[in-house]
Every structure is written in structure tokens, then in C-alpha cells.
Protein backbone atom coordinates (compact mmCIF):
# COMPACT_ATOMS: atom_id res chain seq x y z
CA MET A 1 30.15 -44.72 -34.70
CA ALA A 2 27.99 -46.05 -31.70
CA LYS A 3 30.77 -44.81 -29.26
CA ASP A 4 30.34 -41.78 -30.88
CA ASP A 5 26.43 -42.11 -30.97
CA LYS A 6 26.53 -42.33 -27.50
CA LYS A 7 29.06 -39.40 -26.63
CA LEU A 8 25.97 -37.43 -28.86
CA GLU A 9 23.34 -38.36 -26.85
CA LYS A 10 24.65 -37.59 -23.90
CA GLU A 11 26.48 -34.52 -25.01
CA ALA A 12 22.76 -33.98 -26.39
CA LYS A 13 21.35 -34.96 -22.86
CA LYS A 14 23.38 -32.13 -21.11
CA LEU A 15 23.24 -29.40 -22.97
CA GLU A 16 19.06 -29.98 -23.35
CA LYS A 17 19.43 -29.91 -18.97
CA LYS A 18 21.39 -26.93 -19.70
CA GLU A 19 18.54 -25.22 -21.39
CA ALA A 20 16.00 -26.50 -19.34
CA GLU A 21 17.69 -25.40 -16.17
CA LYS A 22 17.95 -21.58 -17.92
CA LEU A 23 14.49 -21.57 -19.09
CA ALA A 24 13.09 -22.57 -15.36
CA LYS A 25 15.09 -19.82 -13.78
CA LYS A 26 13.97 -17.29 -16.18
CA ALA A 27 9.94 -18.57 -15.77
CA SER A 28 10.99 -18.12 -11.74
CA LYS A 29 12.62 -15.18 -11.51
CA LYS A 30 9.74 -13.67 -14.14
CA SER A 31 7.26 -14.68 -11.35
CA ASP A 32 9.13 -13.55 -8.64
CA GLU A 33 8.75 -9.84 -10.25
CA LYS A 34 5.21 -10.37 -10.65
CA LEU A 35 4.95 -11.42 -6.85
CA ASP A 36 7.43 -8.35 -6.05
CA LYS A 37 4.99 -6.25 -8.35
CA LYS A 38 2.17 -7.23 -6.81
CA VAL A 39 3.27 -6.96 -3.01
CA ASP A 40 4.75 -3.85 -4.22
CA GLU A 41 0.81 -2.83 -5.47
CA LYS A 42 -0.18 -4.06 -2.47
CA LYS A 43 2.15 -2.35 -0.45
CA LYS A 44 0.76 1.05 -1.87
CA ASP A 45 -2.37 0.69 -1.88
CA LYS A 46 -1.91 0.33 2.25
CA LYS A 47 -0.40 3.08 2.21
CA LYS A 48 -3.14 5.27 -0.13
CA LYS A 49 -5.38 3.39 2.23
CA VAL A 50 -3.64 4.96 5.46
CA LYS A 51 -3.49 8.41 4.13
CA LYS A 52 -6.85 8.64 3.30
CA ASP A 53 -8.08 6.92 6.84
CA ASP A 54 -5.50 9.63 8.24
CA ALA A 55 -6.96 12.72 6.26
CA VAL A 56 -10.53 11.78 7.02
CA GLU A 57 -9.98 11.21 10.57
CA THR A 58 -7.99 14.92 10.75
CA VAL A 59 -11.34 16.16 8.66
CA LYS A 60 -13.01 14.58 12.07
CA LYS A 61 -11.36 16.29 14.56
CA LYS A 62 -11.65 19.63 12.97
CA LYS A 63 -14.89 19.90 12.56
CA GLU A 64 -15.71 18.64 15.84
CA LYS A 65 -12.71 21.34 17.03
CA THR A 66 -15.26 24.01 15.11
CA LYS A 67 -18.53 23.04 16.72
CA LYS A 68 -16.55 23.05 19.94
CA GLU A 69 -15.49 26.45 19.57
CA SER A 70 -18.24 27.60 18.23
CA LYS A 71 -20.88 25.95 20.56
CA LYS A 72 -17.95 28.31 23.04
CA ASP A 73 -18.43 31.20 21.57
CA ASP A 74 -22.40 30.42 21.65
CA SER A 75 -22.18 30.39 25.59
CA ASP A 76 -20.08 33.48 25.88
CA LYS A 77 -22.54 35.01 24.08
CA LYS A 78 -25.38 34.09 26.43
CA LYS A 79 -22.86 35.49 29.09
CA LYS A 80 -22.42 38.61 28.23
CA ALA A 81 -26.17 39.00 27.12
CA LYS A 82 -27.62 37.82 30.87
CA LYS A 83 -24.56 40.06 32.11
CA LYS A 84 -25.70 42.86 30.29
CA LYS A 85 -29.43 42.45 31.20
CA VAL A 86 -28.23 42.24 34.50
CA LYS A 87 -26.03 45.22 34.48
CA LYS A 88 -30.06 47.30 33.24
């Protein structure tokens, strides 16, 4: 009977080890998934920020271009006005 008890104890320990390993794998898998999610979220946030920054840059460039065009138009109008005065 003592031998049988020892065998049963060994088997129980083996089973406990296997269960512990399974639980550890599940836990590490879940934590890996959580980390992956966080990394993905950070990447998405970065992409959004880059897109937002690009949009801001585009708007600034358009405003600058519009200002330059309006200044050019103003200077062209002044030149035309001077030419008209000179002709008179």
C-alpha cells in the first residue's frame, strides 16, 4: 500500500505541474495579447497624430499660398493702376 500511495503522490504532483504549466501558458498568452493590444493602440494613436499633423501642415501651406496669391494680386492691381495713371 505504501508503494501505491507513493505512486499516486507522484502522479498527483505530475498532474499539478502540468496544470500549473497550462495556467502559466494561458496567463502569459493573455498578457501577451494585452501587450499586443496596447502596442497596436499606440501605433494607431501615432498614425492619427501623424495624419493630424499632416492635415495641419496642409492647411498652413494653403493659407500661406493664399496669402502670397492675394499679395501678388494686390501688387498686380497697383501696377495696373500706375500704368493707367501714366497713360493719362
